[in-house]
Amino acid sequence: MKFAYILFSLLLFSIGNAFAQKLNSGPVVTYRNPVIAGDFADPSIIRVGDTYYAAGTSSEWGPAYPIYSSKNLVDWEYVGPVFAELPAWTMGSFWAPELFFRNGTFYVYYTARRKSDKQSFIGVASTKDLKKGFKDHGVIIEWTKEAIDAFIVEDKGKLFVTWKAYGLDKDRGIEILGAELAPDGLKVIGKEFSLIKADPAGWESGGAEGQAIFKRGNYWYMLYSGNACCGDKCDYQVGFARAEKLQGPWTKYTGNPVLFGDETWKCPGHGTVVVTPDNRYFYLHHAYNGVDFTFGGRQGILSELVWDEAAKWPAFKYGRTPPAQAESPMGASAVTNFDFLINYEKDTLKAPWVYDVSFPKPSFAVENEALQIENDNHISTGNFIGLTIKKGNYTFTADVVAKNDLTQNIIVYGDANNALGYGVRDNRIELWQIKDGVHEVIKKQDIPEKYKDIKLRLQSRYGRFYEFSWDVKGQKIDSLASSVKIETPWLPRWDRAPRIGINVSGNKAGKGEIKAIQMKYD
């Protein structure tokens, strides 16, 4: 009887303890993807102490390679670019920056197109302080017709660089190669070796790239991406491989591909694995939002890996598609507001402007209580400065002081030959487009000469349906007469989303005068 009483007491204690733990644990905190919104392809991530850093592709935009920081993998803040001034040897195609940290120094191994031959190769730069930008050390890997997607591995105190090779060589299949680096990380000193080759008959028929390599237990693991990365015909997917030695042989997982898209997130891939202090494995990669798709660009997505300890293979915790919502690392829950208003008559805030690297960096400054952009060329889009669009539904406005002989525009910009603009000049409002290099005025409207302080407005839906309008402070304007709607399915470029911004144009020298800008997301 006494023994039964003891068992009953222990049972009650266990139930009570479990109930108390459940009460104390609280609800599971979740986050929603994307964790880094807007066009942020090929993300690289590292953890240094208690801080995570991520860098991403900037394609044809300068400054090159945006960097973000976070304490929890969910809430990210913009730090600045890797290169405020572009490296002298480069001309564009700023892809796949790979961050690495060693002995107090940050490194970035990056892909760029070389001016001398317009081919893409891998460079390296370093810094002690991310906020001060990186010092470029030039090309580190020049490999046949193309070398892209660097990834750095440290093995037994030695550094190795891996990269995608033979992407443009018709006589050789695509493979991922590796070679030893000098101790300072700035020079290749070893002979190349092969890690994996793309299977031309399988899901990798479009190639293999974007490798992320890490060690766990007795194995090296690789996540790599295959097929078409970009554009509305993309079919990007992710696979696993592993090896007991970095030099191989590597074995591909029989269940590949292990991550692919659906209607929520399309074409996921090309990322980096990072391990949290509590030993959770997260893969920061990119994917297209299923609604905004190519108009929103490839955004920063966080997916968690879990482990089958018997088989020694990882799996994605939430299945074979990127999660829309998942359990947060470190109890983080992002509530991000991307709206902003800058009134240059009283504010000193600086917007994170980007520009087209095909042209010289535009000359602009805040002077005389206005943002002034220099009209220093005769190309209608050449001095465009823009902002990365975070979501497809937004309203962008610019308050301008109308001028003669100088058009001030708000622009949705794909590239110099594909853009949509709405501007004021000489008492006239014009909606225009450049498609495949052909300029066309879609609509124009005369306005009274007394109207000088003009608010230009763009409302976007899903990043592709636009409504333009204008008004004047203190004046009643017929909204039906002053607005126009248009769709531009041709604006996204194959590897990047459009930007929204402003410029000035005209046949005479002069400066625009923008009094305020505002971005408000729905």
Protein backbone atom coordinates (compact mmCIF):
# COMPACT_ATOMS: atom_id res chain seq x y z
CA MET A 1 0.00 0.00 0.00
CA LYS A 2 2.80 2.38 0.93
CA PHE A 3 4.62 1.54 -2.32
CA ALA A 4 1.48 2.30 -4.38
CA TYR A 5 1.12 5.64 -2.58
CA ILE A 6 4.73 6.55 -3.46
CA LEU A 7 4.17 5.66 -7.13
CA PHE A 8 0.96 7.73 -7.17
CA SER A 9 2.79 10.71 -5.60
CA LEU A 10 5.61 10.46 -8.16
CA LEU A 11 3.06 10.34 -10.98
CA LEU A 12 1.31 13.46 -9.69
CA PHE A 13 4.67 15.23 -9.38
CA SER A 14 5.64 14.32 -12.95
CA ILE A 15 2.32 15.51 -14.34
CA GLY A 16 2.50 18.74 -12.36
CA ASN A 17 6.11 19.36 -13.38
CA ALA A 18 5.31 18.78 -17.04
CA PHE A 19 2.32 21.12 -16.78
CA ALA A 20 4.44 23.78 -15.09
CA GLN A 21 7.11 23.48 -17.78
CA LYS A 22 4.45 23.88 -20.44
CA LEU A 23 3.13 27.00 -18.73
CA ASN A 24 6.60 28.48 -18.31
CA SER A 25 7.77 27.70 -21.83
CA GLY A 26 5.20 30.01 -23.39
CA PRO A 27 4.11 29.98 -27.04
CA VAL A 28 6.55 29.12 -29.79
CA VAL A 29 7.80 32.32 -31.40
CA THR A 30 7.72 32.30 -35.19
CA TYR A 31 9.05 34.47 -38.01
CA ARG A 32 7.92 34.92 -41.58
CA ASN A 33 10.06 34.86 -44.70
CA PRO A 34 11.67 36.80 -46.23
CA VAL A 35 14.06 37.78 -43.46
CA ILE A 36 15.89 40.10 -45.87
CA ALA A 37 13.27 41.57 -48.16
CA GLY A 38 13.84 42.84 -51.68
CA ASP A 39 16.36 41.85 -54.30
CA PHE A 40 19.10 40.07 -52.30
CA ALA A 41 20.28 37.10 -54.33
CA ASP A 42 23.06 34.58 -53.56
CA PRO A 43 23.30 35.50 -49.87
CA SER A 44 26.43 34.66 -47.88
CA ILE A 45 26.25 34.56 -44.09
CA ILE A 46 28.80 34.29 -41.29
CA ARG A 47 28.62 34.47 -37.49
CA VAL A 48 31.27 36.47 -35.64
CA GLY A 49 30.73 36.32 -31.88
CA ASP A 50 27.10 37.17 -31.24
CA THR A 51 26.53 38.91 -34.58
CA TYR A 52 25.58 37.56 -37.99
CA TYR A 53 26.62 39.28 -41.21
CA ALA A 54 25.15 38.72 -44.67
CA ALA A 55 26.11 40.02 -48.11
CA GLY A 56 24.30 39.59 -51.41
CA THR A 57 24.52 40.01 -55.16
CA SER A 58 24.04 43.50 -56.55
CA SER A 59 24.29 42.58 -60.28
CA GLU A 60 24.47 45.83 -62.27
CA TRP A 61 23.84 48.10 -59.29
CA GLY A 62 26.35 50.17 -57.38
CA PRO A 63 27.49 50.49 -54.68
CA ALA A 64 28.45 46.84 -54.98
CA TYR A 65 27.28 44.07 -52.63
CA PRO A 66 25.01 45.23 -49.77
CA ILE A 67 25.90 44.02 -46.25
CA TYR A 68 23.42 43.46 -43.40
CA SER A 69 23.89 42.55 -39.74
CA SER A 70 21.66 40.74 -37.23
CA LYS A 71 21.71 39.44 -33.68
CA ASN A 72 19.07 36.76 -34.27
CA LEU A 73 18.97 35.81 -38.01
CA VAL A 74 15.54 37.41 -38.37
CA ASP A 75 15.90 41.16 -37.76
CA TRP A 76 18.47 42.63 -40.15
CA GLU A 77 19.94 46.13 -40.45
CA TYR A 78 21.73 47.56 -43.45
CA VAL A 79 25.43 48.15 -42.73
CA GLY A 80 26.60 49.49 -46.09
CA PRO A 81 28.19 48.16 -49.27
CA VAL A 82 31.33 46.09 -49.68
CA PHE A 83 32.55 48.63 -52.25
CA ALA A 84 31.43 52.25 -52.12
CA GLU A 85 33.70 52.78 -55.13
CA LEU A 86 33.84 49.96 -57.66
CA PRO A 87 37.14 48.05 -58.05
CA ALA A 88 39.09 49.40 -61.01
CA TRP A 89 39.22 46.06 -62.87
CA THR A 90 35.44 45.52 -62.80
CA MET A 91 32.60 46.63 -65.06
CA GLY A 92 29.49 44.88 -63.71
CA SER A 93 27.91 41.48 -62.98
CA PHE A 94 28.61 41.86 -59.26
CA TRP A 95 27.50 38.40 -58.18
CA ALA A 96 27.76 36.02 -55.24
CA PRO A 97 29.95 37.75 -52.62
CA GLU A 98 31.20 35.19 -50.09
CA LEU A 99 32.05 36.48 -46.61
CA PHE A 100 34.78 34.88 -44.51
CA PHE A 101 36.27 35.88 -41.15
CA ARG A 102 39.66 34.87 -39.79
CA ASN A 103 42.07 36.31 -37.21
CA GLY A 104 40.23 39.60 -36.86
CA THR A 105 39.92 40.22 -40.61
CA PHE A 106 36.84 40.09 -42.82
CA TYR A 107 37.32 38.82 -46.35
CA VAL A 108 34.96 38.87 -49.30
CA TYR A 109 35.51 36.65 -52.35
CA TYR A 110 33.34 38.01 -55.11
CA THR A 111 32.45 37.55 -58.78
CA ALA A 112 32.64 40.46 -61.23
CA ARG A 113 32.97 41.04 -64.95
CA ARG A 114 36.40 42.26 -66.05
CA LYS A 115 36.67 45.37 -68.20
CA SER A 116 39.44 44.08 -70.42
CA ASP A 117 37.61 41.03 -71.78
CA LYS A 118 34.07 41.22 -70.31
CA GLN A 119 34.49 37.81 -68.66
CA SER A 120 33.52 36.96 -65.09
CA PHE A 121 36.23 36.00 -62.61
CA ILE A 122 36.73 35.97 -58.85
CA GLY A 123 38.33 38.76 -56.83
CA VAL A 124 39.13 39.16 -53.15
CA ALA A 125 39.02 42.09 -50.73
CA SER A 126 39.53 42.51 -46.99
CA THR A 127 38.85 44.84 -44.07
CA LYS A 128 39.12 45.06 -40.30
CA ASP A 129 35.92 47.13 -40.09
CA LEU A 130 32.86 46.37 -42.24
CA LYS A 131 31.53 49.91 -41.85
CA LYS A 132 34.64 51.32 -43.52
CA GLY A 133 34.33 49.15 -46.61
CA PHE A 134 36.83 46.72 -48.13
CA LYS A 135 40.24 47.12 -49.73
CA ASP A 136 40.33 45.32 -53.05
CA HIS A 137 43.22 42.95 -53.83
CA GLY A 138 42.20 42.21 -57.42
CA VAL A 139 41.55 38.99 -59.32
CA ILE A 140 42.37 35.80 -57.46
CA ILE A 141 40.90 33.18 -59.84
CA GLU A 142 41.00 33.54 -63.62
CA TRP A 143 39.74 30.27 -65.06
CA THR A 144 39.19 29.60 -68.78
CA LYS A 145 36.08 31.56 -69.85
CA GLU A 146 34.40 31.96 -66.46
CA ALA A 147 34.93 31.42 -62.74
CA ILE A 148 32.09 32.34 -60.36
CA ASP A 149 30.56 31.50 -56.96
CA ALA A 150 33.55 31.33 -54.64
CA PHE A 151 33.22 29.58 -51.27
CA ILE A 152 35.98 29.40 -48.64
CA VAL A 153 36.74 26.41 -46.41
CA GLU A 154 39.26 26.06 -43.60
CA ASP A 155 40.54 22.51 -43.09
CA LYS A 156 43.18 21.67 -40.47
CA GLY A 157 44.50 25.23 -40.48
CA LYS A 158 44.70 25.48 -44.28
CA LEU A 159 42.45 27.64 -46.43
CA PHE A 160 40.77 26.41 -49.60
CA VAL A 161 38.71 28.22 -52.21
CA THR A 162 36.03 26.43 -54.22
CA TRP A 163 34.27 27.76 -57.32
CA LYS A 164 32.01 26.93 -60.24
CA ALA A 165 33.99 26.26 -63.42
CA TYR A 166 33.33 25.75 -67.12
CA GLY A 167 29.95 27.46 -67.21
CA LEU A 168 30.72 29.00 -70.62
CA ASP A 169 32.99 26.25 -71.98
CA LYS A 170 31.00 24.21 -74.48
CA ASP A 171 33.59 21.42 -74.59
CA ARG A 172 33.44 20.74 -70.84
CA GLY A 173 30.66 20.08 -68.38
CA ILE A 174 30.06 22.27 -65.36
CA GLU A 175 31.85 21.25 -62.18
CA ILE A 176 32.82 22.67 -58.83
CA LEU A 177 36.57 22.91 -58.29
CA GLY A 178 38.77 23.64 -55.28
CA ALA A 179 42.34 24.73 -54.60
CA GLU A 180 44.48 25.67 -51.61
CA LEU A 181 44.96 29.34 -50.72
CA ALA A 182 47.97 31.06 -49.22
CA PRO A 183 47.76 31.57 -45.42
CA ASP A 184 46.76 35.22 -45.93
CA GLY A 185 43.85 34.15 -48.17
CA LEU A 186 44.91 36.40 -51.04
CA LYS A 187 46.51 33.97 -53.48
CA VAL A 188 45.89 30.47 -54.87
CA ILE A 189 48.92 28.24 -54.21
CA GLY A 190 47.56 24.73 -54.80
CA LYS A 191 46.63 22.71 -57.85
CA GLU A 192 42.92 22.55 -58.56
CA PHE A 193 40.87 19.45 -57.68
CA SER A 194 37.32 18.45 -58.57
CA LEU A 195 34.55 18.21 -55.96
CA ILE A 196 31.39 17.44 -57.96
CA LYS A 197 30.30 17.52 -61.60
CA ALA A 198 26.84 18.51 -62.79
CA ASP A 199 24.78 15.62 -64.14
CA PRO A 200 23.65 16.67 -67.65
CA ALA A 201 20.82 14.14 -67.62
CA GLY A 202 19.32 14.87 -64.21
CA TRP A 203 17.92 17.76 -62.22
CA GLU A 204 21.34 19.44 -62.53
CA SER A 205 21.12 19.60 -66.31
CA GLY A 206 21.27 23.40 -66.14
CA GLY A 207 24.46 23.24 -64.06
CA ALA A 208 25.62 23.07 -60.45
CA GLU A 209 26.67 26.16 -58.51
CA GLY A 210 26.29 28.17 -55.31
CA GLN A 211 28.01 25.57 -53.13
CA ALA A 212 28.03 25.92 -49.33
CA ILE A 213 30.41 23.56 -47.52
CA PHE A 214 30.76 22.80 -43.80
CA LYS A 215 32.05 20.06 -41.49
CA ARG A 216 29.90 18.04 -39.07
CA GLY A 217 31.21 14.93 -37.37
CA ASN A 218 33.25 12.81 -39.76
CA TYR A 219 31.76 14.34 -42.91
CA TRP A 220 32.08 17.41 -45.02
CA TYR A 221 28.64 18.44 -46.32
CA MET A 222 27.77 20.49 -49.36
CA LEU A 223 24.54 22.20 -50.32
CA TYR A 224 24.56 23.18 -53.98
CA SER A 225 22.07 24.56 -56.48
CA GLY A 226 21.17 23.42 -59.97
CA ASN A 227 19.28 24.45 -63.10
CA ALA A 228 18.15 27.94 -64.10
CA CYS A 229 18.52 30.49 -61.29
CA CYS A 230 16.69 33.46 -62.67
CA GLY A 231 13.82 34.93 -64.61
CA ASP A 232 10.24 33.79 -65.15
CA LYS A 233 11.40 30.43 -66.57
CA CYS A 234 13.57 29.56 -63.57
CA ASP A 235 13.62 26.07 -62.04
CA TYR A 236 16.32 26.41 -59.37
CA GLN A 237 16.64 23.61 -56.80
CA VAL A 238 19.03 22.47 -54.06
CA GLY A 239 20.85 19.20 -53.47
CA PHE A 240 23.14 17.61 -50.84
CA ALA A 241 26.50 15.91 -51.16
CA ARG A 242 29.05 14.69 -48.58
CA ALA A 243 32.61 13.43 -48.31
CA GLU A 244 35.00 12.25 -45.61
CA LYS A 245 37.74 14.41 -47.10
CA LEU A 246 37.40 17.82 -48.68
CA GLN A 247 39.21 16.58 -51.78
CA GLY A 248 36.66 13.79 -52.12
CA PRO A 249 35.32 11.53 -53.29
CA TRP A 250 31.97 13.27 -52.86
CA THR A 251 28.72 11.32 -52.76
CA LYS A 252 25.50 12.98 -53.84
CA TYR A 253 22.38 12.32 -51.80
CA THR A 254 20.08 9.84 -53.50
CA GLY A 255 17.03 11.92 -52.56
CA ASN A 256 18.16 15.04 -54.45
CA PRO A 257 16.79 17.59 -55.05
CA VAL A 258 15.95 18.34 -51.44
CA LEU A 259 14.62 21.90 -51.76
CA PHE A 260 12.49 23.31 -54.54
CA GLY A 261 9.81 25.92 -54.99
CA ASP A 262 6.03 26.11 -54.91
CA GLU A 263 3.44 28.83 -55.37
CA THR A 264 4.58 30.64 -52.22
CA TRP A 265 8.36 30.71 -52.88
CA LYS A 266 9.72 29.96 -56.35
CA CYS A 267 13.14 28.73 -57.44
CA PRO A 268 15.05 28.59 -54.12
CA GLY A 269 18.80 28.16 -53.94
CA HIS A 270 22.32 29.56 -53.61
CA GLY A 271 22.93 30.25 -49.95
CA THR A 272 25.18 29.57 -46.99
CA VAL A 273 24.77 27.47 -43.85
CA VAL A 274 25.38 29.04 -40.44
CA VAL A 275 25.30 27.39 -37.01
CA THR A 276 23.71 29.17 -34.03
CA PRO A 277 25.22 29.12 -30.51
CA ASP A 278 22.68 26.45 -29.53
CA ASN A 279 23.81 24.26 -32.46
CA ARG A 280 20.90 24.78 -34.84
CA TYR A 281 21.73 24.80 -38.57
CA PHE A 282 20.18 27.46 -40.80
CA TYR A 283 20.47 27.95 -44.55
CA LEU A 284 20.14 31.57 -45.72
CA HIS A 285 19.32 31.40 -49.42
CA HIS A 286 17.24 33.23 -52.00
CA ALA A 287 13.85 32.62 -53.62
CA TYR A 288 11.26 34.56 -55.60
CA ASN A 289 8.05 35.57 -53.85
CA GLY A 290 5.19 33.75 -55.58
CA VAL A 291 3.09 36.93 -55.89
CA ASP A 292 5.61 39.59 -56.94
CA PHE A 293 7.89 37.01 -58.62
CA THR A 294 10.62 38.57 -60.79
CA PHE A 295 9.36 42.11 -60.04
CA GLY A 296 10.38 41.65 -56.40
CA GLY A 297 13.65 39.87 -57.11
CA ARG A 298 15.28 36.97 -55.32
CA GLN A 299 14.79 37.64 -51.61
CA GLY A 300 16.61 36.43 -48.48
CA ILE A 301 14.93 33.27 -47.13
CA LEU A 302 15.81 31.39 -43.94
CA SER A 303 15.35 27.59 -43.88
CA GLU A 304 16.36 25.28 -41.04
CA LEU A 305 18.20 21.97 -41.36
CA VAL A 306 17.68 19.03 -39.00
CA TRP A 307 19.70 15.83 -38.79
CA ASP A 308 19.07 12.11 -39.20
CA GLU A 309 21.74 10.86 -36.80
CA ALA A 310 21.49 7.32 -38.10
CA ALA A 311 21.89 8.11 -41.79
CA LYS A 312 24.13 11.16 -41.17
CA TRP A 313 22.21 13.27 -43.68
CA PRO A 314 20.40 16.57 -43.04
CA ALA A 315 16.87 17.43 -44.14
CA PHE A 316 14.90 20.65 -44.29
CA LYS A 317 12.78 20.91 -41.17
CA TYR A 318 9.69 22.21 -42.92
CA GLY A 319 9.82 20.02 -45.99
CA ARG A 320 11.03 20.34 -49.55
CA THR A 321 9.84 23.91 -50.11
CA PRO A 322 10.96 27.09 -48.32
CA PRO A 323 8.80 27.88 -45.28
CA ALA A 324 6.45 30.86 -45.29
CA GLN A 325 6.50 30.76 -41.49
CA ALA A 326 8.79 28.84 -39.15
CA GLU A 327 10.01 28.60 -35.58
CA SER A 328 12.36 31.46 -34.87
CA PRO A 329 15.99 31.07 -33.85
CA MET A 330 16.81 32.68 -30.52
CA GLY A 331 13.16 33.61 -29.93
CA ALA A 332 13.26 36.29 -32.61
CA SER A 333 10.12 37.62 -34.28
CA ALA A 334 10.56 40.22 -37.00
CA VAL A 335 8.11 43.10 -37.35
CA THR A 336 9.68 45.24 -40.03
CA ASN A 337 8.45 48.59 -41.31
CA PHE A 338 10.07 49.61 -44.59
CA ASP A 339 8.20 52.94 -44.90
CA PHE A 340 10.16 56.16 -44.86
CA LEU A 341 9.74 59.87 -45.52
CA ILE A 342 12.60 62.30 -46.09
CA ASN A 343 11.74 66.00 -46.12
CA TYR A 344 14.93 67.66 -47.29
CA GLU A 345 13.79 71.03 -45.95
CA LYS A 346 14.32 69.72 -42.40
CA ASP A 347 15.67 66.14 -42.48
CA THR A 348 19.27 65.03 -42.79
CA LEU A 349 18.50 61.34 -43.40
CA LYS A 350 20.29 59.58 -46.22
CA ALA A 351 18.46 57.10 -48.41
CA PRO A 352 20.35 53.94 -49.51
CA TRP A 353 20.47 55.01 -53.16
CA VAL A 354 21.78 52.67 -55.85
CA TYR A 355 22.78 53.48 -59.42
CA ASP A 356 23.41 51.74 -62.75
CA VAL A 357 27.11 50.82 -62.99
CA SER A 358 26.91 51.10 -66.78
CA PHE A 359 27.22 54.86 -66.26
CA PRO A 360 29.43 57.07 -64.12
CA LYS A 361 28.20 57.41 -60.56
CA PRO A 362 25.55 60.18 -60.59
CA SER A 363 26.43 63.46 -58.94
CA PHE A 364 23.89 64.39 -56.29
CA ALA A 365 23.85 66.11 -52.90
CA VAL A 366 21.50 67.70 -50.39
CA GLU A 367 21.90 71.46 -50.81
CA ASN A 368 19.63 74.44 -50.18
CA GLU A 369 17.04 72.22 -48.47
CA ALA A 370 16.64 69.97 -51.51
CA LEU A 371 18.08 66.84 -53.07
CA GLN A 372 19.85 68.12 -56.17
CA ILE A 373 20.81 65.77 -58.99
CA GLU A 374 23.23 67.01 -61.63
CA ASN A 375 22.17 66.68 -65.27
CA ASP A 376 25.61 65.79 -66.57
CA ASN A 377 24.74 63.76 -69.66
CA HIS A 378 22.10 63.58 -72.36
CA ILE A 379 20.95 60.01 -71.72
CA SER A 380 17.38 60.06 -70.44
CA THR A 381 18.04 57.50 -67.69
CA GLY A 382 21.79 57.94 -67.17
CA ASN A 383 21.78 59.71 -63.81
CA PHE A 384 19.09 57.57 -62.22
CA ILE A 385 19.34 56.90 -58.48
CA GLY A 386 17.01 54.29 -57.07
CA LEU A 387 15.87 52.21 -54.13
CA THR A 388 15.53 48.46 -53.72
CA ILE A 389 11.83 47.57 -53.63
CA LYS A 390 10.91 45.50 -50.57
CA LYS A 391 7.35 44.50 -51.55
CA GLY A 392 5.29 44.77 -54.72
CA ASN A 393 2.49 46.93 -53.27
CA TYR A 394 3.73 50.44 -52.54
CA THR A 395 3.31 54.14 -53.16
CA PHE A 396 6.34 56.26 -54.05
CA THR A 397 6.19 60.05 -54.25
CA ALA A 398 8.66 62.81 -55.03
CA ASP A 399 7.99 66.51 -54.38
CA VAL A 400 9.80 68.50 -57.07
CA VAL A 401 10.17 72.13 -58.03
CA ALA A 402 9.30 72.30 -61.73
CA LYS A 403 11.96 73.82 -63.99
CA ASN A 404 12.26 74.88 -67.60
CA ASP A 405 14.61 72.90 -69.87
CA LEU A 406 14.99 70.15 -67.26
CA THR A 407 12.76 67.11 -66.78
CA GLN A 408 12.50 65.69 -63.29
CA ASN A 409 11.19 62.13 -63.23
CA ILE A 410 10.15 59.30 -61.00
CA ILE A 411 11.23 56.08 -62.71
CA VAL A 412 10.73 52.34 -62.49
CA TYR A 413 14.09 51.22 -63.85
CA GLY A 414 15.10 47.84 -65.24
CA ASP A 415 18.15 49.09 -67.11
CA ALA A 416 19.04 52.02 -69.38
CA ASN A 417 17.12 50.47 -72.27
CA ASN A 418 14.07 49.39 -70.29
CA ALA A 419 12.42 51.90 -67.99
CA LEU A 420 9.15 53.64 -67.25
CA GLY A 421 9.13 57.31 -66.25
CA TYR A 422 6.79 60.09 -65.20
CA GLY A 423 8.10 63.63 -65.16
CA VAL A 424 7.47 67.35 -65.25
CA ARG A 425 9.12 70.01 -67.43
CA ASP A 426 8.12 73.26 -69.11
CA ASN A 427 4.60 73.17 -67.64
CA ARG A 428 4.00 69.69 -68.96
CA ILE A 429 3.60 66.28 -67.37
CA GLU A 430 4.75 63.28 -69.44
CA LEU A 431 4.50 59.53 -69.00
CA TRP A 432 7.13 57.77 -71.10
CA GLN A 433 8.77 54.42 -71.54
CA ILE A 434 11.97 53.02 -72.98
CA LYS A 435 11.50 49.44 -74.19
CA ASP A 436 14.40 47.64 -75.84
CA GLY A 437 16.07 51.02 -76.28
CA VAL A 438 13.12 52.68 -78.05
CA HIS A 439 11.80 55.82 -76.33
CA GLU A 440 8.05 56.48 -76.51
CA VAL A 441 5.84 59.15 -74.91
CA ILE A 442 2.69 57.40 -73.73
CA LYS A 443 0.77 60.39 -72.45
CA LYS A 444 1.40 64.08 -71.93
CA GLN A 445 -0.61 66.78 -70.23
CA ASP A 446 -0.15 70.53 -70.07
CA ILE A 447 -0.43 72.15 -66.66
CA PRO A 448 -0.86 75.80 -65.67
CA GLU A 449 2.36 77.78 -65.52
CA LYS A 450 1.65 78.80 -61.93
CA TYR A 451 2.08 75.20 -60.77
CA LYS A 452 5.67 74.85 -59.61
CA ASP A 453 5.61 72.63 -56.55
CA ILE A 454 4.54 69.31 -58.05
CA LYS A 455 4.08 65.98 -56.26
CA LEU A 456 4.73 63.07 -58.61
CA ARG A 457 3.14 59.83 -57.42
CA LEU A 458 3.42 56.17 -58.39
CA GLN A 459 1.20 53.43 -56.95
CA SER A 460 2.35 49.87 -57.63
CA ARG A 461 0.42 46.61 -57.34
CA TYR A 462 2.37 43.35 -57.31
CA GLY A 463 5.35 45.23 -58.67
CA ARG A 464 3.98 45.25 -62.21
CA PHE A 465 0.74 47.30 -62.36
CA TYR A 466 1.42 51.01 -62.04
CA GLU A 467 -0.75 54.08 -61.65
CA PHE A 468 0.89 57.49 -62.06
CA SER A 469 -0.62 60.77 -60.90
CA TRP A 470 0.36 64.28 -59.83
CA ASP A 471 -1.03 67.02 -57.68
CA VAL A 472 -0.17 70.44 -56.26
CA LYS A 473 -0.21 71.36 -52.59
CA GLY A 474 -3.24 73.49 -51.83
CA GLN A 475 -4.86 72.91 -55.24
CA LYS A 476 -7.76 70.62 -56.20
CA ILE A 477 -6.80 68.45 -59.19
CA ASP A 478 -9.17 66.26 -61.23
CA SER A 479 -7.77 62.83 -60.38
CA LEU A 480 -9.33 61.21 -63.43
CA ALA A 481 -7.66 63.67 -65.75
CA SER A 482 -4.28 63.54 -64.05
CA SER A 483 -3.74 59.80 -63.54
CA VAL A 484 -2.87 56.96 -65.91
CA LYS A 485 -2.49 53.20 -65.42
CA ILE A 486 -0.01 50.94 -67.18
CA GLU A 487 1.49 47.43 -67.00
CA THR A 488 5.10 46.65 -67.94
CA PRO A 489 5.74 42.87 -67.93
CA TRP A 490 9.05 43.43 -69.73
CA LEU A 491 10.76 45.51 -67.04
CA PRO A 492 12.58 42.90 -64.87
CA ARG A 493 15.98 41.93 -66.21
CA TRP A 494 16.88 38.21 -66.19
CA ASP A 495 18.95 38.39 -62.97
CA ARG A 496 17.50 41.37 -61.09
CA ALA A 497 14.33 43.23 -60.18
CA PRO A 498 13.52 46.84 -61.12
CA ARG A 499 14.35 49.73 -58.81
CA ILE A 500 12.17 52.76 -58.08
CA GLY A 501 13.76 56.18 -57.98
CA ILE A 502 14.34 59.57 -59.57
CA ASN A 503 16.45 61.33 -62.15
CA VAL A 504 16.76 64.50 -64.18
CA SER A 505 17.27 64.82 -67.92
CA GLY A 506 17.49 67.50 -70.55
CA ASN A 507 19.70 69.11 -73.17
CA LYS A 508 21.15 71.74 -70.88
CA ALA A 509 23.24 71.60 -67.74
CA GLY A 510 21.40 72.05 -64.49
CA LYS A 511 20.28 70.47 -61.25
CA GLY A 512 17.02 68.92 -60.21
CA GLU A 513 15.33 70.12 -57.06
CA ILE A 514 13.57 67.43 -55.05
CA LYS A 515 12.07 68.68 -51.78
CA ALA A 516 10.89 65.34 -50.38
CA ILE A 517 10.61 61.65 -51.16
CA GLN A 518 8.37 59.07 -49.54
CA MET A 519 7.99 55.30 -49.79
CA LYS A 520 4.95 53.69 -48.21
CA TYR A 521 4.20 49.98 -48.45
CA ASP A 522 0.70 48.50 -48.29
